[in-house]
Protein backbone atom coordinates (compact mmCIF):
# COMPACT_ATOMS: atom_id res chain seq x y z
CA MET A 1 -8.40 -14.08 -7.42
CA PRO A 2 -6.63 -10.91 -8.34
CA VAL A 3 -4.10 -11.26 -11.11
CA LYS A 4 -1.41 -9.80 -8.92
CA PHE A 5 -1.81 -12.51 -6.30
CA ILE A 6 -1.58 -15.28 -8.87
CA ILE A 7 1.49 -13.81 -10.32
CA PHE A 8 3.04 -13.46 -6.92
CA ILE A 9 2.27 -17.12 -6.13
CA ILE A 10 3.73 -18.31 -9.48
CA LEU A 11 6.91 -16.08 -8.74
CA ALA A 12 7.23 -17.47 -5.22
CA ILE A 13 7.01 -21.08 -6.42
CA ILE A 14 9.64 -20.38 -9.06
CA VAL A 15 12.03 -18.73 -6.64
CA SER A 16 11.37 -21.41 -4.08
CA VAL A 17 12.17 -24.23 -6.48
CA LEU A 18 15.34 -22.55 -7.72
CA ALA A 19 16.37 -21.89 -4.04
CA VAL A 20 15.77 -25.55 -3.06
CA LYS A 21 17.85 -26.69 -5.93
CA ASN A 22 20.73 -24.47 -4.86
CA MET A 23 21.16 -25.53 -1.12
CA ASP A 24 24.90 -24.41 -1.06
CA LEU A 25 26.06 -22.26 1.75
CA VAL A 26 26.58 -18.68 1.08
CA GLU A 27 28.45 -16.06 3.23
CA VAL A 28 26.26 -13.11 4.23
CA SER A 29 28.11 -10.06 5.59
CA PHE A 30 26.44 -7.40 7.62
CA TYR A 31 27.17 -4.66 10.23
CA ASP A 32 25.71 -4.60 13.64
CA PHE A 33 24.63 -1.47 15.53
CA TYR A 34 28.30 -0.75 16.51
CA LEU A 35 29.35 -0.93 12.87
CA ASN A 36 31.25 -4.17 13.52
CA SER A 37 31.39 -6.45 10.51
CA HIS A 38 30.02 -9.95 10.82
CA ASN A 39 29.94 -12.83 8.44
CA VAL A 40 27.37 -15.79 8.60
CA ARG A 41 27.09 -18.80 6.40
CA VAL A 42 23.66 -19.60 5.61
CA PRO A 43 21.89 -21.76 2.88
CA LEU A 44 21.04 -19.95 -0.26
CA LEU A 45 17.39 -20.83 0.36
CA VAL A 46 17.27 -18.72 3.44
CA VAL A 47 18.81 -15.81 1.66
CA VAL A 48 16.40 -15.88 -1.25
CA LEU A 49 13.26 -16.57 0.73
CA ALA A 50 14.17 -13.80 3.29
CA SER A 51 14.78 -11.32 0.33
CA LEU A 52 11.48 -12.45 -1.29
CA SER A 53 9.61 -12.11 2.04
CA PHE A 54 11.15 -8.62 2.80
CA GLY A 55 10.23 -7.41 -0.78
CA PHE A 56 6.69 -8.73 -0.29
CA PHE A 57 6.41 -7.02 3.06
CA LEU A 58 7.64 -3.63 1.60
CA ALA A 59 5.23 -3.89 -1.37
CA TRP A 60 2.34 -4.73 0.99
CA LEU A 61 3.35 -1.71 3.31
CA ASP A 62 3.38 0.47 0.32
CA GLY A 63 -0.02 -0.60 -0.84
CA PHE A 64 -1.39 -0.30 2.70
CA ILE A 65 -0.33 3.33 3.03
CA ALA A 66 -1.64 4.08 -0.33
CA LYS A 67 -4.98 2.55 0.61
CA LEU A 68 -4.98 4.79 3.90
CA LYS A 69 -4.18 7.86 1.89
CA LEU A 70 -6.97 7.08 -0.61
CA LYS A 71 -9.56 6.63 2.20
CA ALA A 72 -8.58 9.81 3.79
CA THR A 73 -8.99 11.64 0.47
CA ILE A 74 -12.30 10.04 -0.24
CA ARG A 75 -13.48 11.06 3.39
CA ARG A 76 -12.19 14.60 2.78
CA ASN A 77 -14.00 14.78 -0.62
CA GLY A 78 -17.20 13.36 0.86
CA LYS A 79 -17.12 16.11 3.59
CA ALA A 80 -16.49 18.75 0.84
CA ILE A 81 -19.40 17.47 -1.23
CA GLN A 82 -21.74 17.46 1.70
CA SER A 83 -20.64 21.10 2.61
CA LEU A 84 -21.12 22.29 -0.96
CA THR A 85 -24.39 20.51 -1.20
CA GLU A 86 -25.64 22.25 1.99
CA GLU A 87 -24.32 25.57 0.71
CA LEU A 88 -26.25 25.05 -2.62
CA GLU A 89 -29.46 24.37 -0.76
CA ARG A 90 -29.08 27.55 1.29
CA TYR A 91 -28.60 29.49 -2.07
CA LYS A 92 -31.58 27.84 -3.49
CA LYS A 93 -33.79 28.63 -0.48
CA SER A 94 -32.59 32.30 -0.53
CA ALA A 95 -33.08 32.61 -4.20
CA LEU A 96 -36.65 31.24 -3.92
CA SER A 97 -37.48 33.58 -1.13
CA GLU A 98 -36.05 36.56 -3.04
CA HIS A 99 -38.06 35.47 -6.04
CA ASN A 100 -41.24 35.08 -4.00
CA GLU A 101 -40.81 38.49 -2.39
CA SER A 102 -40.13 40.29 -5.58
CA GLY A 103 -43.31 38.51 -7.18
CA LYS A 104 -45.56 39.75 -4.41
């Protein structure tokens, strides 16, 4: 198992235990799409787990995007290597043919 995953599981367990011990209701204020203020009373457990889940999702999304960029870079570099290899082969053939012609 990757170390990051183990650390995440340990962190999630610690946060969950602390959140379960603190089941008090807290007031969450937010704005809707019309900029009207709303207040909702929810258990602290819900607030903590929602925040943890949202942070996990953002970190996963960032890693996923980085992985896609890395794959694109690898693909682009592979094409460049293949193009340069083909060009090198052409130069080798032309150099050999010039060498053979000058030797005759």
